[in-house]
């Protein structure tokens, strides 16, 4: 397996739940995946659009 293939598998596992959940949430502007999300398994930061 190449390094790219390994990285892809890791990212897909990290983002699987997000890929299915975020599109159905209203007002999501951004989802931040940082080092703590990857290494510590914490939830990513989800940024929402400002309500008017």
C-alpha atoms as a PDB file:
ATOM      1  CA  UNK A   1       0.000   0.000   0.000  1.00  0.00           C
ATOM      2  CA  UNK A   2       1.343   3.445  -0.871  1.00  0.00           C
ATOM      3  CA  UNK A   3       1.556   6.293   1.624  1.00  0.00           C
ATOM      4  CA  UNK A   4      -1.286   8.032  -0.231  1.00  0.00           C
ATOM      5  CA  UNK A   5      -3.483   4.960   0.090  1.00  0.00           C
ATOM      6  CA  UNK A   6      -2.769   4.710   3.801  1.00  0.00           C
ATOM      7  CA  UNK A   7      -3.532   8.384   4.369  1.00  0.00           C
ATOM      8  CA  UNK A   8      -6.767   8.078   2.430  1.00  0.00           C
ATOM      9  CA  UNK A   9      -7.918   5.177   4.600  1.00  0.00           C
ATOM     10  CA  UNK A  10      -7.082   7.079   7.792  1.00  0.00           C
ATOM     11  CA  UNK A  11      -8.960  10.178   6.633  1.00  0.00           C
ATOM     12  CA  UNK A  12     -11.984   8.177   5.497  1.00  0.00           C
ATOM     13  CA  UNK A  13     -12.197   6.492   8.906  1.00  0.00           C
ATOM     14  CA  UNK A  14     -11.921   9.844  10.689  1.00  0.00           C
ATOM     15  CA  UNK A  15     -14.518  11.488   8.505  1.00  0.00           C
ATOM     16  CA  UNK A  16     -17.006   8.684   7.924  1.00  0.00           C
ATOM     17  CA  UNK A  17     -19.525   9.914  10.474  1.00  0.00           C
ATOM     18  CA  UNK A  18     -19.076  13.517   9.336  1.00  0.00           C
ATOM     19  CA  UNK A  19     -19.610  12.657   5.675  1.00  0.00           C
ATOM     20  CA  UNK A  20     -23.056  11.290   6.483  1.00  0.00           C
ATOM     21  CA  UNK A  21     -24.083  13.622   9.321  1.00  0.00           C
ATOM     22  CA  UNK A  22     -22.957  17.095   8.311  1.00  0.00           C
ATOM     23  CA  UNK A  23     -24.858  17.424   5.027  1.00  0.00           C
ATOM     24  CA  UNK A  24     -28.160  17.019   6.892  1.00  0.00           C
ATOM     25  CA  UNK A  25     -27.319  19.708   9.483  1.00  0.00           C
ATOM     26  CA  UNK A  26     -28.594  23.184   8.691  1.00  0.00           C
ATOM     27  CA  UNK A  27     -26.250  26.153   8.617  1.00  0.00           C
ATOM     28  CA  UNK A  28     -22.906  24.360   8.730  1.00  0.00           C
ATOM     29  CA  UNK A  29     -20.260  26.656   7.311  1.00  0.00           C
ATOM     30  CA  UNK A  30     -17.066  24.763   8.130  1.00  0.00           C
ATOM     31  CA  UNK A  31     -15.765  21.651   9.881  1.00  0.00           C
ATOM     32  CA  UNK A  32     -12.244  21.895  11.314  1.00  0.00           C
ATOM     33  CA  UNK A  33     -10.176  18.718  11.522  1.00  0.00           C
ATOM     34  CA  UNK A  34      -7.038  19.420  13.532  1.00  0.00           C
ATOM     35  CA  UNK A  35      -4.286  17.416  15.207  1.00  0.00           C
ATOM     36  CA  UNK A  36      -6.372  16.748  18.345  1.00  0.00           C
ATOM     37  CA  UNK A  37      -9.167  15.246  16.266  1.00  0.00           C
ATOM     38  CA  UNK A  38      -6.722  12.887  14.573  1.00  0.00           C
ATOM     39  CA  UNK A  39      -4.517  11.948  17.513  1.00  0.00           C
ATOM     40  CA  UNK A  40      -6.888  12.194  20.495  1.00  0.00           C
ATOM     41  CA  UNK A  41     -10.182  11.272  18.869  1.00  0.00           C
ATOM     42  CA  UNK A  42     -12.015  14.420  19.972  1.00  0.00           C
ATOM     43  CA  UNK A  43     -14.916  15.790  17.959  1.00  0.00           C
ATOM     44  CA  UNK A  44     -14.035  18.284  15.223  1.00  0.00           C
ATOM     45  CA  UNK A  45     -14.998  21.939  15.535  1.00  0.00           C
ATOM     46  CA  UNK A  46     -18.154  22.659  13.577  1.00  0.00           C
ATOM     47  CA  UNK A  47     -18.665  26.301  12.575  1.00  0.00           C
ATOM     48  CA  UNK A  48     -22.211  27.409  11.818  1.00  0.00           C
ATOM     49  CA  UNK A  49     -23.430  30.356   9.785  1.00  0.00           C
ATOM     50  CA  UNK A  50     -24.576  33.299  11.836  1.00  0.00           C
ATOM     51  CA  UNK A  51     -28.334  33.251  12.368  1.00  0.00           C
ATOM     52  CA  UNK A  52     -30.129  36.308  11.008  1.00  0.00           C
END
